[in-house]
PDB file of N, CA and C in Angstrom:
ATOM      1  N   MET A   1     -41.525  87.544 -33.569  1.00  0.00           N
ATOM      2  CA  MET A   1     -40.336  88.578 -32.707  1.00  0.00           C
ATOM      3  C   MET A   1     -39.775  88.830 -33.361  1.00  0.00           C
ATOM      4  N   THR A   2     -39.266  90.009 -34.123  1.00  0.00           N
ATOM      5  CA  THR A   2     -37.992  90.726 -34.697  1.00  0.00           C
ATOM      6  C   THR A   2     -36.736  90.003 -34.384  1.00  0.00           C
ATOM      7  N   PRO A   3     -35.749  90.375 -35.486  1.00  0.00           N
ATOM      8  CA  PRO A   3     -34.287  89.316 -35.185  1.00  0.00           C
ATOM      9  C   PRO A   3     -34.096  90.325 -33.849  1.00  0.00           C
ATOM     10  N   GLN A   4     -33.737  91.867 -34.137  1.00  0.00           N
ATOM     11  CA  GLN A   4     -33.450  93.043 -32.545  1.00  0.00           C
ATOM     12  C   GLN A   4     -33.947  91.961 -31.181  1.00  0.00           C
ATOM     13  N   GLU A   5     -35.334  92.274 -31.641  1.00  0.00           N
ATOM     14  CA  GLU A   5     -35.864  91.556 -30.136  1.00  0.00           C
ATOM     15  C   GLU A   5     -35.392  90.104 -29.756  1.00  0.00           C
ATOM     16  N   LYS A   6     -35.076  89.471 -30.401  1.00  0.00           N
ATOM     17  CA  LYS A   6     -34.305  87.726 -29.904  1.00  0.00           C
ATOM     18  C   LYS A   6     -32.622  88.153 -29.938  1.00  0.00           C
ATOM     19  N   VAL A   7     -32.283  88.597 -30.662  1.00  0.00           N
ATOM     20  CA  VAL A   7     -31.042  89.099 -30.001  1.00  0.00           C
ATOM     21  C   VAL A   7     -30.865  89.411 -28.399  1.00  0.00           C
ATOM     22  N   ILE A   8     -31.811  90.755 -28.441  1.00  0.00           N
ATOM     23  CA  ILE A   8     -31.858  91.381 -26.861  1.00  0.00           C
ATOM     24  C   ILE A   8     -32.206  90.331 -25.431  1.00  0.00           C
ATOM     25  N   GLU A   9     -33.425  89.351 -26.223  1.00  0.00           N
ATOM     26  CA  GLU A   9     -33.658  88.493 -25.134  1.00  0.00           C
ATOM     27  C   GLU A   9     -32.816  87.274 -25.089  1.00  0.00           C
ATOM     28  N   ASP A  10     -31.767  86.817 -26.127  1.00  0.00           N
ATOM     29  CA  ASP A  10     -31.049  85.881 -25.844  1.00  0.00           C
ATOM     30  C   ASP A  10     -29.587  86.431 -25.036  1.00  0.00           C
ATOM     31  N   ILE A  11     -29.938  87.563 -25.087  1.00  0.00           N
ATOM     32  CA  ILE A  11     -28.594  88.627 -24.610  1.00  0.00           C
ATOM     33  C   ILE A  11     -28.660  88.501 -22.756  1.00  0.00           C
ATOM     34  N   ALA A  12     -30.226  88.543 -22.542  1.00  0.00           N
ATOM     35  CA  ALA A  12     -30.461  88.539 -21.202  1.00  0.00           C
ATOM     36  C   ALA A  12     -31.211  87.201 -20.543  1.00  0.00           C
ATOM     37  N   LYS A  13     -30.969  86.264 -21.694  1.00  0.00           N
ATOM     38  CA  LYS A  13     -31.188  85.062 -21.165  1.00  0.00           C
ATOM     39  C   LYS A  13     -29.583  84.663 -20.443  1.00  0.00           C
ATOM     40  N   ARG A  14     -28.783  85.044 -21.627  1.00  0.00           N
ATOM     41  CA  ARG A  14     -26.986  84.263 -20.938  1.00  0.00           C
ATOM     42  C   ARG A  14     -26.539  85.014 -19.950  1.00  0.00           C
ATOM     43  N   HIS A  15     -26.596  86.879 -20.101  1.00  0.00           N
ATOM     44  CA  HIS A  15     -26.346  86.985 -18.835  1.00  0.00           C
ATOM     45  C   HIS A  15     -27.141  87.139 -17.854  1.00  0.00           C
ATOM     46  N   LEU A  16     -28.310  88.305 -18.074  1.00  0.00           N
ATOM     47  CA  LEU A  16     -29.190  88.081 -16.800  1.00  0.00           C
ATOM     48  C   LEU A  16     -29.666  87.182 -16.062  1.00  0.00           C
ATOM     49  N   LEU A  17     -30.004  85.649 -16.629  1.00  0.00           N
ATOM     50  CA  LEU A  17     -30.514  84.848 -16.260  1.00  0.00           C
ATOM     51  C   LEU A  17     -31.959  84.942 -16.305  1.00  0.00           C
ATOM     52  N   VAL A  18     -32.524  86.016 -17.402  1.00  0.00           N
ATOM     53  CA  VAL A  18     -33.994  86.277 -17.459  1.00  0.00           C
ATOM     54  C   VAL A  18     -35.024  85.733 -18.561  1.00  0.00           C
ATOM     55  N   ASP A  19     -35.715  84.675 -18.080  1.00  0.00           N
ATOM     56  CA  ASP A  19     -36.585  83.456 -18.921  1.00  0.00           C
ATOM     57  C   ASP A  19     -37.547  84.071 -19.951  1.00  0.00           C
ATOM     58  N   THR A  20     -37.623  85.573 -19.676  1.00  0.00           N
ATOM     59  CA  THR A  20     -38.418  86.322 -20.695  1.00  0.00           C
ATOM     60  C   THR A  20     -38.216  88.000 -20.578  1.00  0.00           C
ATOM     61  N   LEU A  21     -38.721  88.306 -21.516  1.00  0.00           N
ATOM     62  CA  LEU A  21     -38.333  89.877 -21.027  1.00  0.00           C
ATOM     63  C   LEU A  21     -39.786  90.471 -21.526  1.00  0.00           C
ATOM     64  N   GLU A  22     -41.137  89.551 -21.294  1.00  0.00           N
ATOM     65  CA  GLU A  22     -42.653  89.603 -20.916  1.00  0.00           C
ATOM     66  C   GLU A  22     -43.172  90.510 -19.940  1.00  0.00           C
ATOM     67  N   THR A  23     -43.721  91.090 -19.568  1.00  0.00           N
ATOM     68  CA  THR A  23     -44.226  91.719 -18.186  1.00  0.00           C
ATOM     69  C   THR A  23     -44.889  90.400 -17.885  1.00  0.00           C
ATOM     70  N   ARG A  24     -44.922  89.998 -16.655  1.00  0.00           N
ATOM     71  CA  ARG A  24     -46.072  88.835 -16.283  1.00  0.00           C
ATOM     72  C   ARG A  24     -47.085  88.713 -15.300  1.00  0.00           C
ATOM     73  N   ASN A  25     -46.455  91.007 -14.816  1.00  0.00           N
ATOM     74  CA  ASN A  25     -47.694  91.461 -13.846  1.00  0.00           C
ATOM     75  C   ASN A  25     -47.404  91.093 -12.176  1.00  0.00           C
ATOM     76  N   ASN A  26     -45.905  90.074 -12.138  1.00  0.00           N
ATOM     77  CA  ASN A  26     -46.061  89.445 -11.094  1.00  0.00           C
ATOM     78  C   ASN A  26     -44.584  90.106 -10.601  1.00  0.00           C
ATOM     79  N   ASP A  27     -44.404  90.543  -9.263  1.00  0.00           N
ATOM     80  CA  ASP A  27     -43.118  90.883  -9.186  1.00  0.00           C
ATOM     81  C   ASP A  27     -42.238  90.026  -8.983  1.00  0.00           C
ATOM     82  N   SER A  28     -42.203  88.659  -8.482  1.00  0.00           N
ATOM     83  CA  SER A  28     -41.277  88.134  -8.314  1.00  0.00           C
ATOM     84  C   SER A  28     -40.902  87.376  -9.948  1.00  0.00           C
ATOM     85  N   GLN A  29     -41.709  87.697 -10.657  1.00  0.00           N
ATOM     86  CA  GLN A  29     -41.545  87.127 -12.029  1.00  0.00           C
ATOM     87  C   GLN A  29     -40.986  88.193 -12.739  1.00  0.00           C
ATOM     88  N   ASP A  30     -41.233  89.562 -12.969  1.00  0.00           N
ATOM     89  CA  ASP A  30     -40.738  90.853 -13.218  1.00  0.00           C
ATOM     90  C   ASP A  30     -39.324  91.702 -12.611  1.00  0.00           C
ATOM     91  N   PHE A  31     -39.238  91.591 -11.414  1.00  0.00           N
ATOM     92  CA  PHE A  31     -38.010  91.963 -11.088  1.00  0.00           C
ATOM     93  C   PHE A  31     -37.014  90.971 -10.649  1.00  0.00           C
ATOM     94  N   TYR A  32     -35.850  91.053 -10.889  1.00  0.00           N
ATOM     95  CA  TYR A  32     -34.662  90.165 -10.534  1.00  0.00           C
ATOM     96  C   TYR A  32     -33.629  90.971 -10.048  1.00  0.00           C
ATOM     97  N   GLU A  33     -32.277  90.289  -9.350  1.00  0.00           N
ATOM     98  CA  GLU A  33     -31.568  90.873  -8.127  1.00  0.00           C
ATOM     99  C   GLU A  33     -30.189  90.337  -9.800  1.00  0.00           C
ATOM    100  N   VAL A  34     -29.384  91.360  -9.941  1.00  0.00           N
ATOM    101  CA  VAL A  34     -28.384  91.133 -10.809  1.00  0.00           C
ATOM    102  C   VAL A  34     -27.456  91.248 -10.395  1.00  0.00           C
ATOM    103  N   ALA A  35     -26.100  91.350 -10.528  1.00  0.00           N
ATOM    104  CA  ALA A  35     -24.951  91.686 -10.168  1.00  0.00           C
ATOM    105  C   ALA A  35     -24.333  92.303 -11.504  1.00  0.00           C
ATOM    106  N   VAL A  36     -23.432  93.210 -10.673  1.00  0.00           N
ATOM    107  CA  VAL A  36     -23.646  94.574 -12.104  1.00  0.00           C
ATOM    108  C   VAL A  36     -22.240  93.857 -12.837  1.00  0.00           C
ATOM    109  N   TRP A  37     -21.426  92.625 -12.693  1.00  0.00           N
ATOM    110  CA  TRP A  37     -21.193  92.459 -13.681  1.00  0.00           C
ATOM    111  C   TRP A  37     -21.608  91.660 -14.885  1.00  0.00           C
ATOM    112  N   CYS A  38     -22.626  91.384 -14.090  1.00  0.00           N
ATOM    113  CA  CYS A  38     -23.707  90.555 -15.533  1.00  0.00           C
ATOM    114  C   CYS A  38     -24.143  91.398 -16.317  1.00  0.00           C
ATOM    115  N   ILE A  39     -24.957  92.739 -15.910  1.00  0.00           N
ATOM    116  CA  ILE A  39     -24.926  93.807 -16.377  1.00  0.00           C
ATOM    117  C   ILE A  39     -24.097  94.224 -17.203  1.00  0.00           C
ATOM    118  N   LYS A  40     -22.951  94.396 -16.941  1.00  0.00           N
ATOM    119  CA  LYS A  40     -21.988  95.418 -17.499  1.00  0.00           C
ATOM    120  C   LYS A  40     -22.127  93.857 -18.855  1.00  0.00           C
ATOM    121  N   ALA A  41     -21.455  92.867 -18.679  1.00  0.00           N
ATOM    122  CA  ALA A  41     -21.277  91.931 -20.002  1.00  0.00           C
ATOM    123  C   ALA A  41     -22.416  91.975 -21.190  1.00  0.00           C
ATOM    124  N   ALA A  42     -24.122  92.005 -20.480  1.00  0.00           N
ATOM    125  CA  ALA A  42     -24.906  91.987 -21.068  1.00  0.00           C
ATOM    126  C   ALA A  42     -24.927  93.340 -22.081  1.00  0.00           C
ATOM    127  N   LEU A  43     -24.818  94.583 -21.249  1.00  0.00           N
ATOM    128  CA  LEU A  43     -24.490  95.817 -22.166  1.00  0.00           C
ATOM    129  C   LEU A  43     -23.654  96.152 -23.287  1.00  0.00           C
ATOM    130  N   ASP A  44     -22.457  95.384 -22.735  1.00  0.00           N
ATOM    131  CA  ASP A  44     -20.933  95.514 -23.656  1.00  0.00           C
ATOM    132  C   ASP A  44     -21.688  94.563 -25.102  1.00  0.00           C
ATOM    133  N   GLU A  45     -21.982  92.913 -24.815  1.00  0.00           N
ATOM    134  CA  GLU A  45     -22.532  92.175 -25.568  1.00  0.00           C
ATOM    135  C   GLU A  45     -23.702  92.800 -27.151  1.00  0.00           C
ATOM    136  N   ALA A  46     -24.640  93.645 -26.070  1.00  0.00           N
ATOM    137  CA  ALA A  46     -25.318  94.232 -26.759  1.00  0.00           C
ATOM    138  C   ALA A  46     -25.218  95.418 -27.905  1.00  0.00           C
ATOM    139  N   PHE A  47     -23.841  96.519 -27.111  1.00  0.00           N
ATOM    140  CA  PHE A  47     -23.205  97.417 -27.994  1.00  0.00           C
ATOM    141  C   PHE A  47     -23.040  96.782 -28.847  1.00  0.00           C
ATOM    142  N   GLU A  48     -22.337  96.173 -29.159  1.00  0.00           N
ATOM    143  CA  GLU A  48     -21.260  94.778 -29.935  1.00  0.00           C
ATOM    144  C   GLU A  48     -22.449  94.367 -31.117  1.00  0.00           C
ATOM    145  N   ALA A  49     -23.543  94.119 -30.757  1.00  0.00           N
ATOM    146  CA  ALA A  49     -24.300  93.364 -31.499  1.00  0.00           C
ATOM    147  C   ALA A  49     -24.607  94.548 -32.206  1.00  0.00           C
ATOM    148  N   GLY A  50     -25.164  95.883 -31.930  1.00  0.00           N
ATOM    149  CA  GLY A  50     -25.509  97.100 -32.363  1.00  0.00           C
ATOM    150  C   GLY A  50     -24.417  97.629 -33.619  1.00  0.00           C
ATOM    151  N   LYS A  51     -23.035  97.417 -33.188  1.00  0.00           N
ATOM    152  CA  LYS A  51     -22.381  97.820 -34.048  1.00  0.00           C
ATOM    153  C   LYS A  51     -22.360  97.081 -35.317  1.00  0.00           C
ATOM    154  N   ASN A  52     -22.221  95.608 -35.087  1.00  0.00           N
ATOM    155  CA  ASN A  52     -22.463  94.813 -36.556  1.00  0.00           C
ATOM    156  C   ASN A  52     -23.706  94.671 -36.872  1.00  0.00           C
ATOM    157  N   ALA A  53     -24.725  95.149 -36.617  1.00  0.00           N
ATOM    158  CA  ALA A  53     -25.592  95.205 -37.177  1.00  0.00           C
ATOM    159  C   ALA A  53     -25.630  96.563 -38.227  1.00  0.00           C
ATOM    160  N   SER A  54     -24.719  97.574 -37.557  1.00  0.00           N
ATOM    161  CA  SER A  54     -24.884  98.770 -38.645  1.00  0.00           C
ATOM    162  C   SER A  54     -23.531  98.312 -39.621  1.00  0.00           C
ATOM    163  N   ALA A  55     -22.791  97.453 -39.734  1.00  0.00           N
ATOM    164  CA  ALA A  55     -22.182  97.596 -40.162  1.00  0.00           C
ATOM    165  C   ALA A  55     -21.930  96.280 -41.495  1.00  0.00           C
ATOM    166  N   ILE A  56     -23.476  95.556 -41.366  1.00  0.00           N
ATOM    167  CA  ILE A  56     -24.291  94.623 -42.299  1.00  0.00           C
ATOM    168  C   ILE A  56     -25.026  96.174 -42.625  1.00  0.00           C
ATOM    169  N   ASP A  57     -25.666  96.799 -42.012  1.00  0.00           N
ATOM    170  CA  ASP A  57     -26.849  97.891 -43.037  1.00  0.00           C
ATOM    171  C   ASP A  57     -25.799  98.245 -44.132  1.00  0.00           C
ATOM    172  N   ALA A  58     -24.831  99.023 -43.605  1.00  0.00           N
ATOM    173  CA  ALA A  58     -23.676  99.892 -44.539  1.00  0.00           C
ATOM    174  C   ALA A  58     -23.130  98.988 -45.679  1.00  0.00           C
ATOM    175  N   THR A  59     -23.523  97.567 -46.109  1.00  0.00           N
ATOM    176  CA  THR A  59     -22.843  96.934 -47.320  1.00  0.00           C
ATOM    177  C   THR A  59     -23.907  97.446 -47.940  1.00  0.00           C
TER     178      THR A  59
END
């Protein structure tokens, strides 16, 4: 797993309560009902992680 994939999976676990981002070919395991504020929090954190990664790459 790449560092980027690890960050994305960690965000999904914390904000979206998703066990894994791997496809399991089972509707009850691959589809989730998630509150919009959880999605917003996950996207905000992912955006910040991207900004931080860009700042590190620039140095």
